[in-house]
Amino acid sequence: MSTSIKNAVKIECSNAFPPTALSAKIKVSNIVPRGSAVLIYTPATGDQSIKFSSPEFVADVPVQGHEMYAQKVLGCETYQIQFLGYRDNPLPLDKTPR
């Protein structure tokens, strides 16, 4: 990840989804003041953040493991994150002979 996200803080997400998840549905709310935003970064998004704008925003965020960061931008003072669900890898078909 680039130095442009040096002020980002790690988000604790190990209980929100399994390490095999492909994406997590996230709601960022109570973004204060109005007009500010929060950027979410994961290894799957690289330096391309997902912008959550005030007052609240919901998006599917690509994930790889449990590494996730948030950065306040545009004057953001406070925000809340809620995990709403995740999309996981489908189970592989069992191809063993019967």
PDB file of N, CA and C in Angstrom:
ATOM      1  N   MET A   1       0.846  -1.169   0.000  1.00  0.00           N
ATOM      2  CA  MET A   1       0.000   0.000   0.000  1.00  0.00           C
ATOM      3  C   MET A   1       0.894   1.235   0.000  1.00  0.00           C
ATOM      4  N   SER A   2       0.447   2.272  -0.624  1.00  0.00           N
ATOM      5  CA  SER A   2       1.281   3.447  -0.801  1.00  0.00           C
ATOM      6  C   SER A   2       1.310   4.340   0.432  1.00  0.00           C
ATOM      7  N   THR A   3       2.240   5.296   0.418  1.00  0.00           N
ATOM      8  CA  THR A   3       2.348   6.231   1.531  1.00  0.00           C
ATOM      9  C   THR A   3       1.185   7.211   1.574  1.00  0.00           C
ATOM     10  N   SER A   4       0.359   7.249   0.530  1.00  0.00           N
ATOM     11  CA  SER A   4      -0.798   8.146   0.541  1.00  0.00           C
ATOM     12  C   SER A   4      -1.816   7.732   1.596  1.00  0.00           C
ATOM     13  N   ILE A   5      -1.680   6.535   2.138  1.00  0.00           N
ATOM     14  CA  ILE A   5      -2.609   6.090   3.170  1.00  0.00           C
ATOM     15  C   ILE A   5      -1.920   5.976   4.521  1.00  0.00           C
ATOM     16  N   LYS A   6      -0.874   6.777   4.742  1.00  0.00           N
ATOM     17  CA  LYS A   6      -0.112   6.681   5.983  1.00  0.00           C
ATOM     18  C   LYS A   6      -0.927   7.048   7.209  1.00  0.00           C
ATOM     19  N   ASN A   7      -2.018   7.782   7.063  1.00  0.00           N
ATOM     20  CA  ASN A   7      -2.850   8.158   8.201  1.00  0.00           C
ATOM     21  C   ASN A   7      -4.015   7.202   8.410  1.00  0.00           C
ATOM     22  N   ALA A   8      -4.044   6.122   7.667  1.00  0.00           N
ATOM     23  CA  ALA A   8      -5.125   5.150   7.803  1.00  0.00           C
ATOM     24  C   ALA A   8      -4.955   4.350   9.088  1.00  0.00           C
ATOM     25  N   VAL A   9      -6.079   3.913   9.647  1.00  0.00           N
ATOM     26  CA  VAL A   9      -6.064   3.090  10.856  1.00  0.00           C
ATOM     27  C   VAL A   9      -6.593   1.702  10.512  1.00  0.00           C
ATOM     28  N   LYS A  10      -6.016   0.699  11.158  1.00  0.00           N
ATOM     29  CA  LYS A  10      -6.431  -0.690  10.921  1.00  0.00           C
ATOM     30  C   LYS A  10      -7.828  -0.908  11.496  1.00  0.00           C
ATOM     31  N   ILE A  11      -8.659  -1.601  10.729  1.00  0.00           N
ATOM     32  CA  ILE A  11     -10.008  -1.947  11.168  1.00  0.00           C
ATOM     33  C   ILE A  11      -9.989  -3.386  11.668  1.00  0.00           C
ATOM     34  N   GLU A  12     -10.483  -3.616  12.869  1.00  0.00           N
ATOM     35  CA  GLU A  12     -10.583  -4.974  13.403  1.00  0.00           C
ATOM     36  C   GLU A  12     -11.760  -5.664  12.720  1.00  0.00           C
ATOM     37  N   CYS A  13     -11.470  -6.694  11.925  1.00  0.00           N
ATOM     38  CA  CYS A  13     -12.542  -7.352  11.177  1.00  0.00           C
ATOM     39  C   CYS A  13     -12.450  -8.878  11.242  1.00  0.00           C
ATOM     40  N   SER A  14     -11.606  -9.413  12.109  1.00  0.00           N
ATOM     41  CA  SER A  14     -11.402 -10.866  12.145  1.00  0.00           C
ATOM     42  C   SER A  14     -12.648 -11.641  12.564  1.00  0.00           C
ATOM     43  N   ASN A  15     -13.569 -11.001  13.276  1.00  0.00           N
ATOM     44  CA  ASN A  15     -14.809 -11.673  13.674  1.00  0.00           C
ATOM     45  C   ASN A  15     -15.955 -11.424  12.702  1.00  0.00           C
ATOM     46  N   ALA A  16     -15.731 -10.575  11.697  1.00  0.00           N
ATOM     47  CA  ALA A  16     -16.812 -10.182  10.787  1.00  0.00           C
ATOM     48  C   ALA A  16     -16.991 -11.126   9.610  1.00  0.00           C
ATOM     49  N   PHE A  17     -15.918 -11.786   9.187  1.00  0.00           N
ATOM     50  CA  PHE A  17     -16.000 -12.685   8.035  1.00  0.00           C
ATOM     51  C   PHE A  17     -14.817 -13.650   8.081  1.00  0.00           C
ATOM     52  N   PRO A  18     -14.932 -14.813   7.411  1.00  0.00           N
ATOM     53  CA  PRO A  18     -13.835 -15.783   7.420  1.00  0.00           C
ATOM     54  C   PRO A  18     -12.684 -15.319   6.520  1.00  0.00           C
ATOM     55  N   PRO A  19     -11.486 -15.847   6.731  1.00  0.00           N
ATOM     56  CA  PRO A  19     -10.343 -15.438   5.911  1.00  0.00           C
ATOM     57  C   PRO A  19     -10.484 -15.833   4.440  1.00  0.00           C
ATOM     58  N   THR A  20     -11.421 -16.712   4.138  1.00  0.00           N
ATOM     59  CA  THR A  20     -11.648 -17.142   2.750  1.00  0.00           C
ATOM     60  C   THR A  20     -12.644 -16.251   2.012  1.00  0.00           C
ATOM     61  N   ALA A  21     -13.211 -15.254   2.685  1.00  0.00           N
ATOM     62  CA  ALA A  21     -14.206 -14.384   2.058  1.00  0.00           C
ATOM     63  C   ALA A  21     -13.603 -13.640   0.869  1.00  0.00           C
ATOM     64  N   LEU A  22     -14.425 -13.427  -0.149  1.00  0.00           N
ATOM     65  CA  LEU A  22     -14.011 -12.667  -1.327  1.00  0.00           C
ATOM     66  C   LEU A  22     -14.340 -11.188  -1.177  1.00  0.00           C
ATOM     67  N   SER A  23     -15.457 -10.893  -0.480  1.00  0.00           N
ATOM     68  CA  SER A  23     -15.837  -9.507  -0.240  1.00  0.00           C
ATOM     69  C   SER A  23     -16.650  -9.420   1.044  1.00  0.00           C
ATOM     70  N   ALA A  24     -16.673  -8.212   1.601  1.00  0.00           N
ATOM     71  CA  ALA A  24     -17.458  -7.950   2.803  1.00  0.00           C
ATOM     72  C   ALA A  24     -18.388  -6.785   2.520  1.00  0.00           C
ATOM     73  N   LYS A  25     -19.651  -6.910   2.934  1.00  0.00           N
ATOM     74  CA  LYS A  25     -20.602  -5.808   2.791  1.00  0.00           C
ATOM     75  C   LYS A  25     -20.457  -4.938   4.030  1.00  0.00           C
ATOM     76  N   ILE A  26     -20.120  -3.662   3.798  1.00  0.00           N
ATOM     77  CA  ILE A  26     -19.805  -2.755   4.894  1.00  0.00           C
ATOM     78  C   ILE A  26     -20.698  -1.529   4.820  1.00  0.00           C
ATOM     79  N   LYS A  27     -21.168  -1.116   5.986  1.00  0.00           N
ATOM     80  CA  LYS A  27     -21.922   0.129   6.110  1.00  0.00           C
ATOM     81  C   LYS A  27     -21.091   1.080   6.956  1.00  0.00           C
ATOM     82  N   VAL A  28     -20.773   2.246   6.399  1.00  0.00           N
ATOM     83  CA  VAL A  28     -20.109   3.291   7.165  1.00  0.00           C
ATOM     84  C   VAL A  28     -21.157   4.376   7.372  1.00  0.00           C
ATOM     85  N   SER A  29     -21.445   4.678   8.639  1.00  0.00           N
ATOM     86  CA  SER A  29     -22.511   5.632   8.959  1.00  0.00           C
ATOM     87  C   SER A  29     -22.008   6.673   9.946  1.00  0.00           C
ATOM     88  N   ASN A  30     -22.884   7.594  10.258  1.00  0.00           N
ATOM     89  CA  ASN A  30     -22.563   8.685  11.186  1.00  0.00           C
ATOM     90  C   ASN A  30     -21.270   9.380  10.792  1.00  0.00           C
ATOM     91  N   ILE A  31     -21.085   9.582   9.491  1.00  0.00           N
ATOM     92  CA  ILE A  31     -19.912  10.283   8.985  1.00  0.00           C
ATOM     93  C   ILE A  31     -20.150  11.777   9.206  1.00  0.00           C
ATOM     94  N   VAL A  32     -19.319  12.356  10.067  1.00  0.00           N
ATOM     95  CA  VAL A  32     -19.490  13.744  10.477  1.00  0.00           C
ATOM     96  C   VAL A  32     -18.204  14.497  10.200  1.00  0.00           C
ATOM     97  N   PRO A  33     -18.301  15.716   9.670  1.00  0.00           N
ATOM     98  CA  PRO A  33     -19.489  16.475   9.285  1.00  0.00           C
ATOM     99  C   PRO A  33     -20.004  16.052   7.913  1.00  0.00           C
ATOM    100  N   ARG A  34     -21.150  16.573   7.582  1.00  0.00           N
ATOM    101  CA  ARG A  34     -21.748  16.330   6.279  1.00  0.00           C
ATOM    102  C   ARG A  34     -20.777  16.803   5.197  1.00  0.00           C
ATOM    103  N   GLY A  35     -20.656  16.046   4.128  1.00  0.00           N
ATOM    104  CA  GLY A  35     -19.736  16.390   3.049  1.00  0.00           C
ATOM    105  C   GLY A  35     -18.363  15.759   3.194  1.00  0.00           C
ATOM    106  N   SER A  36     -18.101  15.138   4.339  1.00  0.00           N
ATOM    107  CA  SER A  36     -16.821  14.448   4.523  1.00  0.00           C
ATOM    108  C   SER A  36     -16.968  12.991   4.101  1.00  0.00           C
ATOM    109  N   ALA A  37     -15.884  12.215   4.216  1.00  0.00           N
ATOM    110  CA  ALA A  37     -15.917  10.829   3.743  1.00  0.00           C
ATOM    111  C   ALA A  37     -14.878   9.986   4.467  1.00  0.00           C
ATOM    112  N   VAL A  38     -14.987   8.674   4.257  1.00  0.00           N
ATOM    113  CA  VAL A  38     -14.038   7.698   4.779  1.00  0.00           C
ATOM    114  C   VAL A  38     -13.595   6.832   3.603  1.00  0.00           C
ATOM    115  N   LEU A  39     -12.300   6.615   3.481  1.00  0.00           N
ATOM    116  CA  LEU A  39     -11.762   5.725   2.450  1.00  0.00           C
ATOM    117  C   LEU A  39     -11.430   4.388   3.103  1.00  0.00           C
ATOM    118  N   ILE A  40     -11.842   3.285   2.467  1.00  0.00           N
ATOM    119  CA  ILE A  40     -11.537   1.939   2.953  1.00  0.00           C
ATOM    120  C   ILE A  40     -10.571   1.287   1.973  1.00  0.00           C
ATOM    121  N   TYR A  41      -9.483   0.736   2.516  1.00  0.00           N
ATOM    122  CA  TYR A  41      -8.459   0.047   1.726  1.00  0.00           C
ATOM    123  C   TYR A  41      -8.318  -1.389   2.218  1.00  0.00           C
ATOM    124  N   THR A  42      -8.071  -2.319   1.289  1.00  0.00           N
ATOM    125  CA  THR A  42      -7.713  -3.696   1.621  1.00  0.00           C
ATOM    126  C   THR A  42      -6.626  -4.127   0.639  1.00  0.00           C
ATOM    127  N   PRO A  43      -5.932  -5.229   0.905  1.00  0.00           N
ATOM    128  CA  PRO A  43      -4.964  -5.717  -0.083  1.00  0.00           C
ATOM    129  C   PRO A  43      -5.613  -5.973  -1.445  1.00  0.00           C
ATOM    130  N   ALA A  44      -6.883  -6.360  -1.452  1.00  0.00           N
ATOM    131  CA  ALA A  44      -7.576  -6.639  -2.712  1.00  0.00           C
ATOM    132  C   ALA A  44      -7.844  -5.364  -3.512  1.00  0.00           C
ATOM    133  N   THR A  45      -7.941  -4.216  -2.850  1.00  0.00           N
ATOM    134  CA  THR A  45      -8.184  -2.966  -3.569  1.00  0.00           C
ATOM    135  C   THR A  45      -6.881  -2.233  -3.863  1.00  0.00           C
ATOM    136  N   GLY A  46      -5.788  -2.656  -3.223  1.00  0.00           N
ATOM    137  CA  GLY A  46      -4.497  -2.004  -3.435  1.00  0.00           C
ATOM    138  C   GLY A  46      -4.581  -0.540  -3.072  1.00  0.00           C
ATOM    139  N   ASP A  47      -4.068   0.312  -3.914  1.00  0.00           N
ATOM    140  CA  ASP A  47      -4.093   1.753  -3.655  1.00  0.00           C
ATOM    141  C   ASP A  47      -5.411   2.395  -4.094  1.00  0.00           C
ATOM    142  N   GLN A  48      -6.327   1.609  -4.641  1.00  0.00           N
ATOM    143  CA  GLN A  48      -7.618   2.116  -5.084  1.00  0.00           C
ATOM    144  C   GLN A  48      -8.631   1.942  -3.957  1.00  0.00           C
ATOM    145  N   SER A  49      -8.862   2.991  -3.207  1.00  0.00           N
ATOM    146  CA  SER A  49      -9.774   2.907  -2.069  1.00  0.00           C
ATOM    147  C   SER A  49     -11.226   2.895  -2.521  1.00  0.00           C
ATOM    148  N   ILE A  50     -12.099   2.538  -1.592  1.00  0.00           N
ATOM    149  CA  ILE A  50     -13.538   2.666  -1.799  1.00  0.00           C
ATOM    150  C   ILE A  50     -13.988   3.805  -0.903  1.00  0.00           C
ATOM    151  N   LYS A  51     -14.641   4.798  -1.509  1.00  0.00           N
ATOM    152  CA  LYS A  51     -15.034   6.006  -0.783  1.00  0.00           C
ATOM    153  C   LYS A  51     -16.444   5.857  -0.227  1.00  0.00           C
ATOM    154  N   PHE A  52     -16.575   6.060   1.072  1.00  0.00           N
ATOM    155  CA  PHE A  52     -17.849   6.043   1.771  1.00  0.00           C
ATOM    156  C   PHE A  52     -18.170   7.488   2.130  1.00  0.00           C
ATOM    157  N   SER A  53     -19.208   8.048   1.513  1.00  0.00           N
ATOM    158  CA  SER A  53     -19.560   9.457   1.706  1.00  0.00           C
ATOM    159  C   SER A  53     -20.629   9.633   2.775  1.00  0.00           C
ATOM    160  N   SER A  54     -20.659  10.826   3.373  1.00  0.00           N
ATOM    161  CA  SER A  54     -21.615  11.118   4.440  1.00  0.00           C
ATOM    162  C   SER A  54     -23.025  11.264   3.864  1.00  0.00           C
ATOM    163  N   PRO A  55     -24.071  11.064   4.665  1.00  0.00           N
ATOM    164  CA  PRO A  55     -24.001  10.693   6.072  1.00  0.00           C
ATOM    165  C   PRO A  55     -23.810   9.195   6.288  1.00  0.00           C
ATOM    166  N   GLU A  56     -24.156   8.344   5.282  1.00  0.00           N
ATOM    167  CA  GLU A  56     -23.872   6.913   5.370  1.00  0.00           C
ATOM    168  C   GLU A  56     -23.817   6.327   3.976  1.00  0.00           C
ATOM    169  N   PHE A  57     -23.101   5.198   3.869  1.00  0.00           N
ATOM    170  CA  PHE A  57     -22.885   4.580   2.564  1.00  0.00           C
ATOM    171  C   PHE A  57     -22.669   3.094   2.793  1.00  0.00           C
ATOM    172  N   VAL A  58     -23.208   2.254   1.890  1.00  0.00           N
ATOM    173  CA  VAL A  58     -23.031   0.799   1.962  1.00  0.00           C
ATOM    174  C   VAL A  58     -22.378   0.334   0.673  1.00  0.00           C
ATOM    175  N   ALA A  59     -21.381  -0.568   0.799  1.00  0.00           N
ATOM    176  CA  ALA A  59     -20.710  -1.099  -0.397  1.00  0.00           C
ATOM    177  C   ALA A  59     -20.119  -2.461  -0.099  1.00  0.00           C
ATOM    178  N   ASP A  60     -19.932  -3.249  -1.171  1.00  0.00           N
ATOM    179  CA  ASP A  60     -19.192  -4.501  -1.079  1.00  0.00           C
ATOM    180  C   ASP A  60     -17.727  -4.178  -1.307  1.00  0.00           C
ATOM    181  N   VAL A  61     -16.894  -4.586  -0.359  1.00  0.00           N
ATOM    182  CA  VAL A  61     -15.466  -4.293  -0.417  1.00  0.00           C
ATOM    183  C   VAL A  61     -14.710  -5.594  -0.662  1.00  0.00           C
ATOM    184  N   PRO A  62     -13.930  -5.696  -1.739  1.00  0.00           N
ATOM    185  CA  PRO A  62     -13.119  -6.895  -1.961  1.00  0.00           C
ATOM    186  C   PRO A  62     -12.116  -7.065  -0.815  1.00  0.00           C
ATOM    187  N   VAL A  63     -11.961  -8.290  -0.333  1.00  0.00           N
ATOM    188  CA  VAL A  63     -11.039  -8.548   0.781  1.00  0.00           C
ATOM    189  C   VAL A  63     -10.113  -9.709   0.455  1.00  0.00           C
ATOM    190  N   GLN A  64      -8.973  -9.715   1.131  1.00  0.00           N
ATOM    191  CA  GLN A  64      -8.031 -10.837   1.129  1.00  0.00           C
ATOM    192  C   GLN A  64      -7.570 -10.984   2.562  1.00  0.00           C
ATOM    193  N   GLY A  65      -8.091 -11.979   3.251  1.00  0.00           N
ATOM    194  CA  GLY A  65      -7.760 -12.137   4.665  1.00  0.00           C
ATOM    195  C   GLY A  65      -8.450 -11.064   5.487  1.00  0.00           C
ATOM    196  N   HIS A  66      -7.826 -10.708   6.608  1.00  0.00           N
ATOM    197  CA  HIS A  66      -8.442  -9.767   7.537  1.00  0.00           C
ATOM    198  C   HIS A  66      -7.705  -8.438   7.628  1.00  0.00           C
ATOM    199  N   GLU A  67      -7.078  -8.014   6.553  1.00  0.00           N
ATOM    200  CA  GLU A  67      -6.372  -6.745   6.555  1.00  0.00           C
ATOM    201  C   GLU A  67      -7.266  -5.674   5.917  1.00  0.00           C
ATOM    202  N   MET A  68      -7.611  -4.646   6.711  1.00  0.00           N
ATOM    203  CA  MET A  68      -8.496  -3.581   6.231  1.00  0.00           C
ATOM    204  C   MET A  68      -8.138  -2.296   6.967  1.00  0.00           C
ATOM    205  N   TYR A  69      -8.161  -1.187   6.218  1.00  0.00           N
ATOM    206  CA  TYR A  69      -7.785   0.108   6.781  1.00  0.00           C
ATOM    207  C   TYR A  69      -8.817   1.163   6.418  1.00  0.00           C
ATOM    208  N   ALA A  70      -8.990   2.173   7.294  1.00  0.00           N
ATOM    209  CA  ALA A  70      -9.884   3.301   7.057  1.00  0.00           C
ATOM    210  C   ALA A  70      -9.093   4.594   7.197  1.00  0.00           C
ATOM    211  N   GLN A  71      -9.396   5.533   6.333  1.00  0.00           N
ATOM    212  CA  GLN A  71      -8.759   6.847   6.387  1.00  0.00           C
ATOM    213  C   GLN A  71      -9.839   7.923   6.291  1.00  0.00           C
ATOM    214  N   LYS A  72      -9.844   8.842   7.265  1.00  0.00           N
ATOM    215  CA  LYS A  72     -10.785   9.960   7.248  1.00  0.00           C
ATOM    216  C   LYS A  72     -10.290  11.004   6.253  1.00  0.00           C
ATOM    217  N   VAL A  73     -11.214  11.503   5.403  1.00  0.00           N
ATOM    218  CA  VAL A  73     -10.855  12.521   4.407  1.00  0.00           C
ATOM    219  C   VAL A  73     -11.937  13.599   4.355  1.00  0.00           C
ATOM    220  N   LEU A  74     -11.599  14.681   3.695  1.00  0.00           N
ATOM    221  CA  LEU A  74     -12.520  15.802   3.481  1.00  0.00           C
ATOM    222  C   LEU A  74     -13.061  16.353   4.798  1.00  0.00           C
ATOM    223  N   GLY A  75     -12.211  16.342   5.824  1.00  0.00           N
ATOM    224  CA  GLY A  75     -12.597  16.916   7.114  1.00  0.00           C
ATOM    225  C   GLY A  75     -13.374  15.992   8.020  1.00  0.00           C
ATOM    226  N   CYS A  76     -13.433  14.704   7.703  1.00  0.00           N
ATOM    227  CA  CYS A  76     -14.176  13.753   8.540  1.00  0.00           C
ATOM    228  C   CYS A  76     -13.614  13.755   9.962  1.00  0.00           C
ATOM    229  N   GLU A  77     -14.523  13.828  10.930  1.00  0.00           N
ATOM    230  CA  GLU A  77     -14.141  13.804  12.338  1.00  0.00           C
ATOM    231  C   GLU A  77     -14.466  12.463  12.987  1.00  0.00           C
ATOM    232  N   THR A  78     -15.658  11.925  12.686  1.00  0.00           N
ATOM    233  CA  THR A  78     -16.073  10.652  13.277  1.00  0.00           C
ATOM    234  C   THR A  78     -16.855   9.826  12.256  1.00  0.00           C
ATOM    235  N   TYR A  79     -16.904   8.518  12.511  1.00  0.00           N
ATOM    236  CA  TYR A  79     -17.675   7.596  11.682  1.00  0.00           C
ATOM    237  C   TYR A  79     -17.851   6.296  12.448  1.00  0.00           C
ATOM    238  N   GLN A  80     -18.773   5.455  11.981  1.00  0.00           N
ATOM    239  CA  GLN A  80     -18.986   4.125  12.552  1.00  0.00           C
ATOM    240  C   GLN A  80     -19.003   3.112  11.415  1.00  0.00           C
ATOM    241  N   ILE A  81     -18.423   1.939  11.666  1.00  0.00           N
ATOM    242  CA  ILE A  81     -18.404   0.866  10.666  1.00  0.00           C
ATOM    243  C   ILE A  81     -19.217  -0.309  11.179  1.00  0.00           C
ATOM    244  N   GLN A  82     -20.043  -0.856  10.288  1.00  0.00           N
ATOM    245  CA  GLN A  82     -20.837  -2.044  10.601  1.00  0.00           C
ATOM    246  C   GLN A  82     -20.661  -3.041   9.463  1.00  0.00           C
ATOM    247  N   PHE A  83     -20.379  -4.288   9.812  1.00  0.00           N
ATOM    248  CA  PHE A  83     -20.267  -5.354   8.815  1.00  0.00           C
ATOM    249  C   PHE A  83     -21.635  -6.003   8.657  1.00  0.00           C
ATOM    250  N   LEU A  84     -22.133  -6.033   7.420  1.00  0.00           N
ATOM    251  CA  LEU A  84     -23.479  -6.534   7.151  1.00  0.00           C
ATOM    252  C   LEU A  84     -23.499  -7.950   6.590  1.00  0.00           C
ATOM    253  N   GLY A  85     -22.354  -8.467   6.174  1.00  0.00           N
ATOM    254  CA  GLY A  85     -22.290  -9.805   5.605  1.00  0.00           C
ATOM    255  C   GLY A  85     -21.050  -9.953   4.751  1.00  0.00           C
ATOM    256  N   TYR A  86     -20.950 -11.101   4.088  1.00  0.00           N
ATOM    257  CA  TYR A  86     -19.789 -11.356   3.238  1.00  0.00           C
ATOM    258  C   TYR A  86     -20.147 -12.346   2.151  1.00  0.00           C
ATOM    259  N   ARG A  87     -19.302 -12.389   1.122  1.00  0.00           N
ATOM    260  CA  ARG A  87     -19.425 -13.373   0.038  1.00  0.00           C
ATOM    261  C   ARG A  87     -18.183 -14.244   0.121  1.00  0.00           C
ATOM    262  N   ASP A  88     -18.395 -15.532   0.174  1.00  0.00           N
ATOM    263  CA  ASP A  88     -17.302 -16.487   0.362  1.00  0.00           C
ATOM    264  C   ASP A  88     -17.073 -17.284  -0.919  1.00  0.00           C
ATOM    265  N   ASN A  89     -15.930 -17.932  -0.990  1.00  0.00           N
ATOM    266  CA  ASN A  89     -15.652 -18.855  -2.089  1.00  0.00           C
ATOM    267  C   ASN A  89     -16.661 -19.990  -2.033  1.00  0.00           C
ATOM    268  N   PRO A  90     -17.221 -20.375  -3.173  1.00  0.00           N
ATOM    269  CA  PRO A  90     -18.092 -21.548  -3.152  1.00  0.00           C
ATOM    270  C   PRO A  90     -17.245 -22.795  -2.869  1.00  0.00           C
ATOM    271  N   LEU A  91     -17.863 -23.738  -2.237  1.00  0.00           N
ATOM    272  CA  LEU A  91     -17.150 -24.977  -1.942  1.00  0.00           C
ATOM    273  C   LEU A  91     -16.832 -25.709  -3.254  1.00  0.00           C
ATOM    274  N   PRO A  92     -15.633 -26.264  -3.374  1.00  0.00           N
ATOM    275  CA  PRO A  92     -15.312 -27.013  -4.596  1.00  0.00           C
ATOM    276  C   PRO A  92     -16.166 -28.281  -4.673  1.00  0.00           C
ATOM    277  N   LEU A  93     -16.495 -28.669  -5.897  1.00  0.00           N
ATOM    278  CA  LEU A  93     -17.260 -29.907  -6.077  1.00  0.00           C
ATOM    279  C   LEU A  93     -16.396 -31.093  -5.694  1.00  0.00           C
ATOM    280  N   ASP A  94     -17.008 -32.036  -5.029  1.00  0.00           N
ATOM    281  CA  ASP A  94     -16.295 -33.257  -4.668  1.00  0.00           C
ATOM    282  C   ASP A  94     -16.207 -34.132  -5.899  1.00  0.00           C
ATOM    283  N   LYS A  95     -15.001 -34.358  -6.404  1.00  0.00           N
ATOM    284  CA  LYS A  95     -14.826 -35.130  -7.637  1.00  0.00           C
ATOM    285  C   LYS A  95     -14.231 -36.509  -7.368  1.00  0.00           C
ATOM    286  N   THR A  96     -14.311 -36.957  -6.126  1.00  0.00           N
ATOM    287  CA  THR A  96     -13.786 -38.283  -5.838  1.00  0.00           C
ATOM    288  C   THR A  96     -14.752 -39.331  -6.345  1.00  0.00           C
ATOM    289  N   PRO A  97     -14.224 -40.422  -6.911  1.00  0.00           N
ATOM    290  CA  PRO A  97     -15.099 -41.483  -7.427  1.00  0.00           C
ATOM    291  C   PRO A  97     -15.884 -42.130  -6.298  1.00  0.00           C
ATOM    292  N   ARG A  98     -17.074 -42.563  -6.605  1.00  0.00           N
ATOM    293  CA  ARG A  98     -17.924 -43.200  -5.594  1.00  0.00           C
ATOM    294  C   ARG A  98     -18.003 -44.678  -5.851  1.00  0.00           C
TER     295      ARG A  98
END
